[in-house]
């Protein structure tokens, strides 16, 4: 640690060199661990300064810093806002919802067709598969849209897989709620249409 009175001392040339090399090898080489998406020209300019001219001052990275700021401002931040506005579940938990939904739909339709082909009486039994068909479509559509209706009603969202937070922004909450109601309506209509069609189909004992 610096001696008393040297806390604000400027970094030495050797420290600046080490810091510049760490930045260069970590972010600006194509094979680096976390390469920044910058133009080839900017990458080459930085490489010339570090490797040929041995320039290790902060000015070497000013253009890259400006580029990273603009990219975050116009691309990453906008994607983050859209992500929070239109989705409340992560990509990691969307797929299990789709799988669960399709499984429920398959079981419900299989049971429904069994009732038809066995000509089970009374005919009102054919409404029973609706109990699996509707949640199946809700789960599947929630996974596709990446919006869980129950979480939207509870004002919750996933910041990461199975990590939940509370929606505090009113605009985000209302958008989630509106999309959730549309999703529930779509699931209800599709399930109802399929159930009505299955109900009116005449029984045919095999």
N, C-alpha and C. Protein backbone atom coordinates (compact mmCIF):
# COMPACT_ATOMS: atom_id res chain seq x y z
N UNK A 1 0.84 -1.21 0.00
CA UNK A 1 0.00 0.00 0.00
C UNK A 1 0.86 1.24 0.00
N UNK A 2 0.38 2.36 -0.53
CA UNK A 2 1.19 3.58 -0.58
C UNK A 2 1.44 4.12 0.81
N UNK A 3 2.55 4.82 0.94
CA UNK A 3 2.88 5.42 2.23
C UNK A 3 1.95 6.57 2.50
N UNK A 4 2.00 7.08 3.77
CA UNK A 4 1.16 8.21 4.15
C UNK A 4 1.44 9.39 3.24
N UNK A 5 0.35 10.02 2.76
CA UNK A 5 0.51 11.18 1.90
C UNK A 5 0.65 10.82 0.44
N UNK A 6 0.70 9.49 0.13
CA UNK A 6 0.86 9.08 -1.26
C UNK A 6 -0.38 8.39 -1.81
N UNK A 7 -1.51 8.50 -1.08
CA UNK A 7 -2.73 7.81 -1.48
C UNK A 7 -3.19 8.27 -2.86
N UNK A 8 -2.97 9.55 -3.17
CA UNK A 8 -3.41 10.06 -4.46
C UNK A 8 -2.30 10.13 -5.49
N UNK A 9 -1.20 9.40 -5.24
CA UNK A 9 -0.07 9.45 -6.16
C UNK A 9 -0.45 8.85 -7.51
N UNK A 10 0.10 9.42 -8.58
CA UNK A 10 -0.19 8.92 -9.93
C UNK A 10 0.45 7.55 -10.10
N UNK A 11 -0.20 6.67 -10.90
CA UNK A 11 0.38 5.33 -11.13
C UNK A 11 1.71 5.43 -11.87
N UNK A 12 2.58 4.50 -11.58
CA UNK A 12 3.87 4.49 -12.24
C UNK A 12 3.71 4.01 -13.68
N UNK A 13 4.74 4.21 -14.47
CA UNK A 13 4.71 3.77 -15.86
C UNK A 13 4.54 2.26 -15.96
N UNK A 14 5.17 1.54 -15.05
CA UNK A 14 5.06 0.08 -15.06
C UNK A 14 3.63 -0.37 -14.74
N UNK A 15 2.98 0.30 -13.80
CA UNK A 15 1.59 -0.03 -13.46
C UNK A 15 0.66 0.26 -14.62
N UNK A 16 0.89 1.39 -15.30
CA UNK A 16 0.07 1.72 -16.47
C UNK A 16 0.27 0.70 -17.58
N UNK A 17 1.49 0.23 -17.75
CA UNK A 17 1.76 -0.77 -18.79
C UNK A 17 1.02 -2.07 -18.48
N UNK A 18 1.10 -2.49 -17.22
CA UNK A 18 0.42 -3.74 -16.85
C UNK A 18 -1.09 -3.61 -17.03
N UNK A 19 -1.64 -2.46 -16.63
CA UNK A 19 -3.09 -2.25 -16.77
C UNK A 19 -3.51 -2.23 -18.24
N UNK A 20 -2.73 -1.54 -19.08
CA UNK A 20 -3.04 -1.47 -20.51
C UNK A 20 -2.96 -2.84 -21.16
N UNK A 21 -1.95 -3.61 -20.78
CA UNK A 21 -1.80 -4.96 -21.35
C UNK A 21 -2.95 -5.87 -20.91
N UNK A 22 -3.38 -5.72 -19.66
CA UNK A 22 -4.51 -6.54 -19.20
C UNK A 22 -5.76 -6.21 -20.01
N UNK A 23 -6.01 -4.93 -20.22
CA UNK A 23 -7.17 -4.52 -21.02
C UNK A 23 -7.07 -5.05 -22.45
N UNK A 24 -5.90 -4.92 -23.02
CA UNK A 24 -5.69 -5.33 -24.41
C UNK A 24 -5.89 -6.84 -24.58
N UNK A 25 -5.23 -7.62 -23.73
CA UNK A 25 -5.30 -9.08 -23.88
C UNK A 25 -6.67 -9.64 -23.46
N UNK A 26 -7.38 -8.92 -22.62
CA UNK A 26 -8.67 -9.44 -22.14
C UNK A 26 -9.83 -9.05 -23.05
N UNK A 27 -9.73 -7.90 -23.73
CA UNK A 27 -10.89 -7.39 -24.47
C UNK A 27 -10.68 -7.16 -25.97
N UNK A 28 -9.44 -7.04 -26.41
CA UNK A 28 -9.25 -6.57 -27.79
C UNK A 28 -8.60 -7.59 -28.73
N UNK A 29 -8.07 -8.66 -28.22
CA UNK A 29 -7.59 -9.73 -29.09
C UNK A 29 -8.78 -10.59 -29.50
N UNK A 30 -8.78 -11.09 -30.73
CA UNK A 30 -9.90 -11.91 -31.20
C UNK A 30 -10.07 -13.17 -30.36
N UNK A 31 -8.95 -13.70 -29.85
CA UNK A 31 -9.03 -14.93 -29.04
C UNK A 31 -9.05 -14.62 -27.54
N UNK A 32 -9.31 -13.37 -27.17
CA UNK A 32 -9.33 -13.00 -25.75
C UNK A 32 -10.57 -13.56 -25.06
N UNK A 33 -10.56 -13.65 -23.73
CA UNK A 33 -11.70 -14.24 -23.00
C UNK A 33 -13.02 -13.51 -23.22
N UNK A 34 -12.98 -12.18 -23.27
CA UNK A 34 -14.22 -11.40 -23.44
C UNK A 34 -14.00 -10.32 -24.50
N UNK A 35 -13.92 -10.71 -25.77
CA UNK A 35 -13.64 -9.71 -26.82
C UNK A 35 -14.77 -8.72 -27.01
N UNK A 36 -14.40 -7.46 -27.09
CA UNK A 36 -15.39 -6.43 -27.38
C UNK A 36 -15.72 -6.42 -28.86
N UNK A 37 -16.98 -6.13 -29.17
CA UNK A 37 -17.38 -6.04 -30.57
C UNK A 37 -17.07 -4.64 -31.09
N UNK A 38 -15.86 -4.48 -31.59
CA UNK A 38 -15.44 -3.20 -32.16
C UNK A 38 -15.01 -3.43 -33.60
N UNK A 39 -14.88 -2.35 -34.35
CA UNK A 39 -14.50 -2.48 -35.75
C UNK A 39 -13.06 -2.99 -35.88
N UNK A 40 -12.79 -3.63 -37.00
CA UNK A 40 -11.43 -4.15 -37.24
C UNK A 40 -10.41 -3.03 -37.24
N UNK A 41 -10.81 -1.88 -37.76
CA UNK A 41 -9.88 -0.74 -37.80
C UNK A 41 -9.51 -0.28 -36.40
N UNK A 42 -10.51 -0.17 -35.53
CA UNK A 42 -10.25 0.26 -34.16
C UNK A 42 -9.40 -0.78 -33.43
N UNK A 43 -9.67 -2.05 -33.66
CA UNK A 43 -8.89 -3.11 -33.04
C UNK A 43 -7.43 -3.04 -33.49
N UNK A 44 -7.23 -2.81 -34.81
CA UNK A 44 -5.87 -2.72 -35.35
C UNK A 44 -5.13 -1.50 -34.81
N UNK A 45 -5.84 -0.37 -34.66
CA UNK A 45 -5.21 0.84 -34.12
C UNK A 45 -4.70 0.61 -32.70
N UNK A 46 -5.51 -0.06 -31.90
CA UNK A 46 -5.11 -0.34 -30.52
C UNK A 46 -3.94 -1.32 -30.49
N UNK A 47 -3.98 -2.31 -31.37
CA UNK A 47 -2.89 -3.29 -31.44
C UNK A 47 -1.58 -2.61 -31.82
N UNK A 48 -1.61 -1.66 -32.76
CA UNK A 48 -0.40 -0.95 -33.15
C UNK A 48 0.17 -0.14 -32.00
N UNK A 49 -0.74 0.53 -31.26
CA UNK A 49 -0.28 1.34 -30.13
C UNK A 49 0.38 0.48 -29.05
N UNK A 50 -0.21 -0.68 -28.76
CA UNK A 50 0.30 -1.53 -27.69
C UNK A 50 1.53 -2.32 -28.13
N UNK A 51 1.44 -2.95 -29.28
CA UNK A 51 2.49 -3.89 -29.70
C UNK A 51 3.66 -3.21 -30.40
N UNK A 52 3.38 -2.20 -31.22
CA UNK A 52 4.47 -1.58 -31.98
C UNK A 52 5.01 -0.33 -31.30
N UNK A 53 4.08 0.57 -30.90
CA UNK A 53 4.51 1.85 -30.35
C UNK A 53 4.74 1.80 -28.84
N UNK A 54 4.29 0.71 -28.20
CA UNK A 54 4.42 0.57 -26.75
C UNK A 54 3.84 1.77 -26.02
N UNK A 55 2.68 2.20 -26.49
CA UNK A 55 1.96 3.31 -25.86
C UNK A 55 0.96 2.72 -24.87
N UNK A 56 1.10 3.04 -23.60
CA UNK A 56 0.28 2.40 -22.59
C UNK A 56 -0.57 3.40 -21.81
N UNK A 57 -0.70 4.63 -22.30
CA UNK A 57 -1.51 5.60 -21.57
C UNK A 57 -2.99 5.39 -21.89
N UNK A 58 -3.84 6.05 -21.10
CA UNK A 58 -5.29 5.85 -21.21
C UNK A 58 -5.85 6.31 -22.55
N UNK A 59 -5.15 7.22 -23.25
CA UNK A 59 -5.65 7.74 -24.53
C UNK A 59 -5.80 6.63 -25.57
N UNK A 60 -5.05 5.55 -25.40
CA UNK A 60 -5.12 4.45 -26.37
C UNK A 60 -6.54 3.89 -26.44
N UNK A 61 -7.24 3.89 -25.30
CA UNK A 61 -8.54 3.23 -25.22
C UNK A 61 -9.72 4.19 -25.26
N UNK A 62 -9.47 5.47 -25.50
CA UNK A 62 -10.56 6.45 -25.49
C UNK A 62 -11.61 6.14 -26.55
N UNK A 63 -11.17 5.85 -27.78
CA UNK A 63 -12.12 5.56 -28.85
C UNK A 63 -12.93 4.30 -28.55
N UNK A 64 -12.27 3.28 -27.99
CA UNK A 64 -12.97 2.05 -27.64
C UNK A 64 -13.97 2.29 -26.51
N UNK A 65 -13.58 3.12 -25.55
CA UNK A 65 -14.48 3.46 -24.45
C UNK A 65 -15.72 4.16 -24.97
N UNK A 66 -15.53 5.10 -25.90
CA UNK A 66 -16.66 5.81 -26.49
C UNK A 66 -17.57 4.85 -27.26
N UNK A 67 -16.94 3.94 -28.00
CA UNK A 67 -17.71 2.96 -28.77
C UNK A 67 -18.53 2.06 -27.84
N UNK A 68 -17.92 1.59 -26.75
CA UNK A 68 -18.63 0.72 -25.81
C UNK A 68 -19.80 1.45 -25.15
N UNK A 69 -19.58 2.74 -24.83
CA UNK A 69 -20.66 3.52 -24.22
C UNK A 69 -21.83 3.67 -25.18
N UNK A 70 -21.54 4.01 -26.44
CA UNK A 70 -22.61 4.19 -27.42
C UNK A 70 -23.34 2.88 -27.68
N UNK A 71 -22.60 1.77 -27.71
CA UNK A 71 -23.24 0.46 -27.93
C UNK A 71 -24.17 0.12 -26.77
N UNK A 72 -23.74 0.40 -25.54
CA UNK A 72 -24.59 0.14 -24.39
C UNK A 72 -25.81 1.06 -24.40
N UNK A 73 -25.61 2.29 -24.82
CA UNK A 73 -26.70 3.26 -24.80
C UNK A 73 -27.77 2.95 -25.84
N UNK A 74 -27.35 2.58 -27.04
CA UNK A 74 -28.29 2.42 -28.15
C UNK A 74 -28.71 0.97 -28.40
N UNK A 75 -27.92 0.00 -27.90
CA UNK A 75 -28.25 -1.40 -28.19
C UNK A 75 -28.56 -2.18 -26.91
N UNK A 76 -27.59 -2.33 -26.05
CA UNK A 76 -27.77 -3.18 -24.86
C UNK A 76 -28.87 -2.63 -23.94
N UNK A 77 -28.85 -1.31 -23.70
CA UNK A 77 -29.84 -0.74 -22.79
C UNK A 77 -31.24 -0.86 -23.37
N UNK A 78 -31.37 -0.64 -24.69
CA UNK A 78 -32.68 -0.76 -25.33
C UNK A 78 -33.19 -2.20 -25.27
N UNK A 79 -32.28 -3.17 -25.51
CA UNK A 79 -32.69 -4.58 -25.41
C UNK A 79 -33.11 -4.91 -23.99
N UNK A 80 -32.38 -4.36 -23.01
CA UNK A 80 -32.73 -4.60 -21.61
C UNK A 80 -34.13 -4.07 -21.30
N UNK A 81 -34.44 -2.87 -21.79
CA UNK A 81 -35.76 -2.29 -21.54
C UNK A 81 -36.86 -3.11 -22.19
N UNK A 82 -36.62 -3.54 -23.45
CA UNK A 82 -37.63 -4.37 -24.13
C UNK A 82 -37.81 -5.70 -23.42
N UNK A 83 -36.70 -6.26 -22.95
CA UNK A 83 -36.77 -7.54 -22.23
C UNK A 83 -37.65 -7.41 -20.99
N UNK A 84 -37.44 -6.36 -20.21
CA UNK A 84 -38.21 -6.17 -18.99
C UNK A 84 -39.67 -5.82 -19.29
N UNK A 85 -39.90 -5.13 -20.40
CA UNK A 85 -41.26 -4.68 -20.71
C UNK A 85 -42.14 -5.81 -21.22
N UNK A 86 -41.59 -6.72 -22.02
CA UNK A 86 -42.42 -7.72 -22.69
C UNK A 86 -42.28 -9.13 -22.12
N UNK A 87 -41.29 -9.39 -21.26
CA UNK A 87 -41.10 -10.75 -20.73
C UNK A 87 -40.96 -10.70 -19.21
N UNK A 88 -41.42 -11.76 -18.56
CA UNK A 88 -41.22 -11.85 -17.12
C UNK A 88 -40.60 -13.18 -16.70
N UNK A 89 -40.22 -14.02 -17.67
CA UNK A 89 -39.50 -15.25 -17.35
C UNK A 89 -38.25 -15.33 -18.21
N UNK A 90 -37.25 -16.03 -17.71
CA UNK A 90 -35.98 -16.13 -18.41
C UNK A 90 -36.05 -17.19 -19.50
N UNK A 91 -35.07 -17.16 -20.39
CA UNK A 91 -35.01 -18.17 -21.46
C UNK A 91 -34.81 -19.57 -20.87
N UNK A 92 -34.12 -19.64 -19.75
CA UNK A 92 -33.83 -20.94 -19.16
C UNK A 92 -35.06 -21.67 -18.63
N UNK A 93 -36.10 -20.93 -18.26
CA UNK A 93 -37.32 -21.57 -17.74
C UNK A 93 -38.45 -21.56 -18.75
N UNK A 94 -38.24 -20.97 -19.92
CA UNK A 94 -39.28 -20.97 -20.95
C UNK A 94 -39.44 -22.37 -21.55
N UNK A 95 -38.33 -23.04 -21.84
CA UNK A 95 -38.38 -24.37 -22.47
C UNK A 95 -39.12 -25.39 -21.60
N UNK A 96 -38.84 -25.48 -20.28
CA UNK A 96 -39.60 -26.43 -19.45
C UNK A 96 -41.10 -26.17 -19.47
N UNK A 97 -41.51 -24.91 -19.54
CA UNK A 97 -42.93 -24.60 -19.62
C UNK A 97 -43.54 -25.11 -20.92
N UNK A 98 -42.81 -24.96 -22.02
CA UNK A 98 -43.30 -25.45 -23.31
C UNK A 98 -43.44 -26.97 -23.28
N UNK A 99 -42.43 -27.64 -22.74
CA UNK A 99 -42.46 -29.11 -22.65
C UNK A 99 -43.63 -29.57 -21.80
N UNK A 100 -43.81 -28.93 -20.62
CA UNK A 100 -44.91 -29.30 -19.74
C UNK A 100 -46.26 -29.05 -20.42
N UNK A 101 -46.37 -27.91 -21.10
CA UNK A 101 -47.62 -27.59 -21.79
C UNK A 101 -47.95 -28.60 -22.87
N UNK A 102 -46.97 -28.95 -23.69
CA UNK A 102 -47.20 -29.94 -24.76
C UNK A 102 -47.55 -31.30 -24.19
N UNK A 103 -46.92 -31.66 -23.06
CA UNK A 103 -47.23 -32.94 -22.43
C UNK A 103 -48.68 -32.96 -21.94
N UNK A 104 -49.14 -31.87 -21.33
CA UNK A 104 -50.53 -31.80 -20.86
C UNK A 104 -51.51 -31.86 -22.03
N UNK A 105 -51.18 -31.15 -23.11
CA UNK A 105 -52.05 -31.17 -24.30
C UNK A 105 -52.14 -32.57 -24.88
N UNK A 106 -50.99 -33.25 -24.95
CA UNK A 106 -50.96 -34.61 -25.50
C UNK A 106 -51.81 -35.56 -24.65
N UNK A 107 -51.67 -35.48 -23.33
CA UNK A 107 -52.44 -36.35 -22.44
C UNK A 107 -53.94 -36.06 -22.57
N UNK A 108 -54.29 -34.76 -22.61
CA UNK A 108 -55.70 -34.39 -22.70
C UNK A 108 -56.32 -34.85 -24.01
N UNK A 109 -55.61 -34.67 -25.12
CA UNK A 109 -56.14 -35.09 -26.42
C UNK A 109 -56.23 -36.61 -26.51
N UNK A 110 -55.25 -37.29 -25.94
CA UNK A 110 -55.29 -38.76 -25.94
C UNK A 110 -56.51 -39.26 -25.17
N UNK A 111 -56.77 -38.66 -24.01
CA UNK A 111 -57.94 -39.04 -23.22
C UNK A 111 -59.23 -38.71 -23.98
N UNK A 112 -59.24 -37.55 -24.62
CA UNK A 112 -60.42 -37.13 -25.38
C UNK A 112 -60.73 -38.09 -26.51
N UNK A 113 -59.72 -38.47 -27.26
CA UNK A 113 -59.92 -39.40 -28.37
C UNK A 113 -60.32 -40.79 -27.87
N UNK A 114 -59.81 -41.17 -26.71
CA UNK A 114 -60.21 -42.46 -26.12
C UNK A 114 -61.69 -42.46 -25.80
N UNK A 115 -62.19 -41.35 -25.26
CA UNK A 115 -63.61 -41.26 -24.95
C UNK A 115 -64.46 -41.37 -26.21
N UNK A 116 -63.94 -40.77 -27.32
CA UNK A 116 -64.69 -40.81 -28.58
C UNK A 116 -64.69 -42.21 -29.17
N UNK A 117 -63.52 -42.83 -29.26
CA UNK A 117 -63.42 -44.13 -29.91
C UNK A 117 -64.04 -45.25 -29.07
N UNK A 118 -64.14 -45.04 -27.76
CA UNK A 118 -64.80 -46.03 -26.91
C UNK A 118 -66.28 -45.71 -26.73
N UNK A 119 -66.70 -44.55 -27.26
CA UNK A 119 -68.09 -44.09 -27.18
C UNK A 119 -68.60 -44.13 -25.74
N UNK A 120 -67.81 -43.52 -24.84
CA UNK A 120 -68.14 -43.51 -23.42
C UNK A 120 -69.38 -42.66 -23.18
N UNK A 121 -70.29 -43.15 -22.39
CA UNK A 121 -71.50 -42.43 -22.03
C UNK A 121 -71.50 -42.19 -20.51
N UNK A 122 -72.06 -41.09 -20.02
CA UNK A 122 -72.69 -40.04 -20.81
C UNK A 122 -71.67 -39.18 -21.57
N UNK A 123 -72.16 -38.50 -22.57
CA UNK A 123 -71.28 -37.73 -23.44
C UNK A 123 -70.60 -36.57 -22.71
N UNK A 124 -71.17 -36.16 -21.59
CA UNK A 124 -70.61 -35.04 -20.83
C UNK A 124 -69.19 -35.31 -20.35
N UNK A 125 -68.78 -36.59 -20.32
CA UNK A 125 -67.41 -36.93 -19.93
C UNK A 125 -66.39 -36.28 -20.87
N UNK A 126 -66.81 -35.95 -22.07
CA UNK A 126 -65.86 -35.38 -23.04
C UNK A 126 -65.38 -33.98 -22.66
N UNK A 127 -66.07 -33.36 -21.70
CA UNK A 127 -65.61 -32.05 -21.24
C UNK A 127 -64.47 -32.18 -20.23
N UNK A 128 -64.30 -33.36 -19.68
CA UNK A 128 -63.29 -33.55 -18.63
C UNK A 128 -61.87 -33.22 -19.08
N UNK A 129 -61.46 -33.61 -20.30
CA UNK A 129 -60.07 -33.29 -20.72
C UNK A 129 -59.76 -31.80 -20.79
N UNK A 130 -60.80 -30.95 -20.73
CA UNK A 130 -60.56 -29.50 -20.71
C UNK A 130 -59.71 -29.12 -19.51
N UNK A 131 -59.77 -29.92 -18.43
CA UNK A 131 -58.99 -29.64 -17.22
C UNK A 131 -57.50 -29.77 -17.48
N UNK A 132 -57.11 -30.55 -18.48
CA UNK A 132 -55.68 -30.64 -18.83
C UNK A 132 -55.34 -29.84 -20.06
N UNK A 133 -56.33 -29.66 -20.94
CA UNK A 133 -56.09 -28.95 -22.20
C UNK A 133 -55.81 -27.47 -21.96
N UNK A 134 -56.63 -26.83 -21.11
CA UNK A 134 -56.47 -25.39 -20.89
C UNK A 134 -55.14 -25.05 -20.23
N UNK A 135 -54.77 -25.70 -19.10
CA UNK A 135 -53.45 -25.38 -18.51
C UNK A 135 -52.30 -25.74 -19.44
N UNK A 136 -52.51 -26.77 -20.28
CA UNK A 136 -51.47 -27.13 -21.24
C UNK A 136 -51.19 -26.00 -22.21
N UNK A 137 -52.25 -25.41 -22.75
CA UNK A 137 -52.07 -24.29 -23.68
C UNK A 137 -51.52 -23.06 -22.95
N UNK A 138 -51.94 -22.85 -21.71
CA UNK A 138 -51.40 -21.72 -20.94
C UNK A 138 -49.90 -21.87 -20.75
N UNK A 139 -49.46 -23.06 -20.36
CA UNK A 139 -48.02 -23.30 -20.15
C UNK A 139 -47.24 -23.15 -21.45
N UNK A 140 -47.76 -23.76 -22.52
CA UNK A 140 -47.05 -23.71 -23.79
C UNK A 140 -46.94 -22.28 -24.31
N UNK A 141 -48.05 -21.54 -24.27
CA UNK A 141 -48.03 -20.15 -24.76
C UNK A 141 -47.17 -19.27 -23.85
N UNK A 142 -47.17 -19.54 -22.55
CA UNK A 142 -46.32 -18.77 -21.62
C UNK A 142 -44.85 -18.97 -21.96
N UNK A 143 -44.48 -20.23 -22.29
CA UNK A 143 -43.09 -20.48 -22.66
C UNK A 143 -42.70 -19.82 -23.97
N UNK A 144 -43.60 -19.87 -24.95
CA UNK A 144 -43.31 -19.24 -26.24
C UNK A 144 -43.22 -17.73 -26.11
N UNK A 145 -44.16 -17.13 -25.38
CA UNK A 145 -44.17 -15.67 -25.21
C UNK A 145 -43.22 -15.20 -24.12
N UNK A 146 -42.70 -16.16 -23.33
CA UNK A 146 -41.84 -15.84 -22.18
C UNK A 146 -42.54 -14.88 -21.23
N UNK A 147 -43.82 -15.18 -20.98
CA UNK A 147 -44.60 -14.38 -20.05
C UNK A 147 -45.54 -15.31 -19.28
N UNK A 148 -45.30 -15.45 -17.98
CA UNK A 148 -46.12 -16.31 -17.14
C UNK A 148 -47.29 -15.49 -16.60
N UNK A 149 -48.53 -15.89 -16.92
CA UNK A 149 -49.69 -15.10 -16.47
C UNK A 149 -49.80 -15.00 -14.95
N UNK A 150 -49.53 -16.09 -14.23
CA UNK A 150 -49.62 -16.05 -12.78
C UNK A 150 -48.60 -15.08 -12.18
N UNK A 151 -47.39 -15.09 -12.74
CA UNK A 151 -46.37 -14.15 -12.27
C UNK A 151 -46.74 -12.72 -12.61
N UNK A 152 -47.38 -12.54 -13.76
CA UNK A 152 -47.81 -11.19 -14.15
C UNK A 152 -48.88 -10.68 -13.19
N UNK A 153 -49.83 -11.54 -12.82
CA UNK A 153 -50.87 -11.14 -11.87
C UNK A 153 -50.30 -10.83 -10.50
N UNK A 154 -49.22 -11.54 -10.14
CA UNK A 154 -48.59 -11.32 -8.83
C UNK A 154 -47.50 -10.25 -8.88
N UNK A 155 -47.33 -9.61 -10.04
CA UNK A 155 -46.31 -8.56 -10.21
C UNK A 155 -44.91 -9.08 -9.91
N UNK A 156 -44.59 -10.27 -10.46
CA UNK A 156 -43.27 -10.86 -10.26
C UNK A 156 -42.60 -11.08 -11.61
N UNK A 157 -41.29 -11.18 -11.58
CA UNK A 157 -40.52 -11.48 -12.79
C UNK A 157 -39.28 -12.25 -12.40
N UNK A 158 -38.67 -12.92 -13.39
CA UNK A 158 -37.43 -13.66 -13.17
C UNK A 158 -36.25 -12.82 -13.64
N UNK A 159 -35.37 -12.47 -12.72
CA UNK A 159 -34.14 -11.77 -13.11
C UNK A 159 -33.14 -12.76 -13.69
N UNK A 160 -33.24 -14.02 -13.26
CA UNK A 160 -32.46 -15.15 -13.79
C UNK A 160 -33.30 -16.38 -13.55
N UNK A 161 -32.84 -17.53 -14.05
CA UNK A 161 -33.63 -18.75 -13.91
C UNK A 161 -33.93 -19.04 -12.44
N UNK A 162 -35.22 -19.12 -12.12
CA UNK A 162 -35.71 -19.42 -10.78
C UNK A 162 -35.26 -18.41 -9.74
N UNK A 163 -34.95 -17.20 -10.17
CA UNK A 163 -34.62 -16.12 -9.25
C UNK A 163 -35.64 -15.00 -9.49
N UNK A 164 -36.46 -14.71 -8.49
CA UNK A 164 -37.62 -13.86 -8.69
C UNK A 164 -37.46 -12.50 -8.02
N UNK A 165 -38.05 -11.51 -8.65
CA UNK A 165 -38.07 -10.16 -8.10
C UNK A 165 -39.45 -9.56 -8.28
N UNK A 166 -39.67 -8.42 -7.68
CA UNK A 166 -40.97 -7.75 -7.76
C UNK A 166 -40.94 -6.67 -8.82
N UNK A 167 -41.98 -6.62 -9.64
CA UNK A 167 -42.12 -5.57 -10.65
C UNK A 167 -42.58 -4.30 -9.95
N UNK A 168 -41.78 -3.26 -10.00
CA UNK A 168 -42.10 -2.02 -9.30
C UNK A 168 -42.56 -0.91 -10.25
N UNK A 169 -42.19 -1.03 -11.51
CA UNK A 169 -42.58 0.00 -12.47
C UNK A 169 -44.02 -0.24 -12.93
N UNK A 170 -44.85 0.77 -12.83
CA UNK A 170 -46.27 0.62 -13.16
C UNK A 170 -46.49 0.30 -14.63
N UNK A 171 -45.70 0.93 -15.51
CA UNK A 171 -45.84 0.67 -16.95
C UNK A 171 -45.51 -0.77 -17.28
N UNK A 172 -44.43 -1.29 -16.70
CA UNK A 172 -44.05 -2.68 -16.92
C UNK A 172 -45.13 -3.61 -16.39
N UNK A 173 -45.64 -3.32 -15.20
CA UNK A 173 -46.68 -4.17 -14.60
C UNK A 173 -47.93 -4.21 -15.48
N UNK A 174 -48.39 -3.05 -15.95
CA UNK A 174 -49.59 -3.00 -16.78
C UNK A 174 -49.39 -3.70 -18.12
N UNK A 175 -48.18 -3.58 -18.68
CA UNK A 175 -47.88 -4.27 -19.94
C UNK A 175 -47.89 -5.78 -19.74
N UNK A 176 -47.27 -6.25 -18.65
CA UNK A 176 -47.29 -7.68 -18.34
C UNK A 176 -48.72 -8.16 -18.14
N UNK A 177 -49.51 -7.38 -17.42
CA UNK A 177 -50.88 -7.77 -17.12
C UNK A 177 -51.71 -7.85 -18.40
N UNK A 178 -51.56 -6.88 -19.29
CA UNK A 178 -52.31 -6.87 -20.54
C UNK A 178 -51.95 -8.08 -21.40
N UNK A 179 -50.65 -8.37 -21.52
CA UNK A 179 -50.22 -9.52 -22.32
C UNK A 179 -50.65 -10.83 -21.68
N UNK A 180 -50.67 -10.88 -20.35
CA UNK A 180 -51.10 -12.09 -19.66
C UNK A 180 -52.58 -12.36 -19.91
N UNK A 181 -53.41 -11.32 -19.88
CA UNK A 181 -54.84 -11.50 -20.14
C UNK A 181 -55.08 -11.95 -21.58
N UNK A 182 -54.32 -11.41 -22.53
CA UNK A 182 -54.45 -11.85 -23.92
C UNK A 182 -54.03 -13.31 -24.07
N UNK A 183 -52.97 -13.69 -23.36
CA UNK A 183 -52.50 -15.07 -23.42
C UNK A 183 -53.55 -16.02 -22.83
N UNK A 184 -54.14 -15.64 -21.69
CA UNK A 184 -55.19 -16.48 -21.09
C UNK A 184 -56.41 -16.57 -21.98
N UNK A 185 -56.75 -15.47 -22.62
CA UNK A 185 -57.89 -15.48 -23.54
C UNK A 185 -57.64 -16.40 -24.72
N UNK A 186 -56.42 -16.33 -25.29
CA UNK A 186 -56.06 -17.19 -26.42
C UNK A 186 -56.11 -18.66 -26.02
N UNK A 187 -55.57 -18.99 -24.84
CA UNK A 187 -55.58 -20.37 -24.36
C UNK A 187 -57.01 -20.86 -24.14
N UNK A 188 -57.86 -19.98 -23.61
CA UNK A 188 -59.25 -20.35 -23.36
C UNK A 188 -60.00 -20.60 -24.66
N UNK A 189 -59.82 -19.72 -25.64
CA UNK A 189 -60.52 -19.87 -26.93
C UNK A 189 -60.10 -21.14 -27.65
N UNK A 190 -58.79 -21.40 -27.71
CA UNK A 190 -58.30 -22.59 -28.40
C UNK A 190 -58.79 -23.86 -27.71
N UNK A 191 -58.70 -23.87 -26.38
CA UNK A 191 -59.15 -25.04 -25.63
C UNK A 191 -60.65 -25.26 -25.82
N UNK A 192 -61.41 -24.17 -25.78
CA UNK A 192 -62.87 -24.29 -25.93
C UNK A 192 -63.25 -24.79 -27.31
N UNK A 193 -62.60 -24.28 -28.35
CA UNK A 193 -62.91 -24.71 -29.72
C UNK A 193 -62.62 -26.20 -29.88
N UNK A 194 -61.44 -26.63 -29.40
CA UNK A 194 -61.09 -28.05 -29.52
C UNK A 194 -62.08 -28.92 -28.74
N UNK A 195 -62.46 -28.48 -27.54
CA UNK A 195 -63.39 -29.26 -26.72
C UNK A 195 -64.77 -29.36 -27.37
N UNK A 196 -65.24 -28.25 -27.96
CA UNK A 196 -66.55 -28.27 -28.63
C UNK A 196 -66.52 -29.21 -29.82
N UNK A 197 -65.44 -29.13 -30.62
CA UNK A 197 -65.31 -30.01 -31.78
C UNK A 197 -65.31 -31.47 -31.34
N UNK A 198 -64.55 -31.78 -30.29
CA UNK A 198 -64.49 -33.15 -29.79
C UNK A 198 -65.83 -33.60 -29.23
N UNK A 199 -66.59 -32.64 -28.66
CA UNK A 199 -67.88 -33.00 -28.08
C UNK A 199 -68.89 -33.38 -29.16
N UNK A 200 -68.90 -32.66 -30.27
CA UNK A 200 -69.92 -32.90 -31.30
C UNK A 200 -69.56 -34.07 -32.22
N UNK A 201 -68.30 -34.52 -32.18
CA UNK A 201 -67.93 -35.67 -33.01
C UNK A 201 -68.68 -36.90 -32.51
N UNK A 202 -69.36 -37.61 -33.40
CA UNK A 202 -70.11 -38.80 -32.97
C UNK A 202 -69.18 -39.90 -32.46
N UNK A 203 -69.63 -40.60 -31.43
CA UNK A 203 -68.82 -41.70 -30.89
C UNK A 203 -68.74 -42.86 -31.88
N UNK A 204 -67.65 -43.57 -31.84
CA UNK A 204 -67.43 -44.67 -32.77
C UNK A 204 -66.65 -45.76 -32.07
N UNK A 205 -67.38 -46.70 -31.44
CA UNK A 205 -66.69 -47.75 -30.68
C UNK A 205 -65.90 -48.65 -31.65
N UNK A 206 -64.59 -48.79 -31.34
CA UNK A 206 -63.74 -49.62 -32.19
C UNK A 206 -63.91 -51.09 -31.87
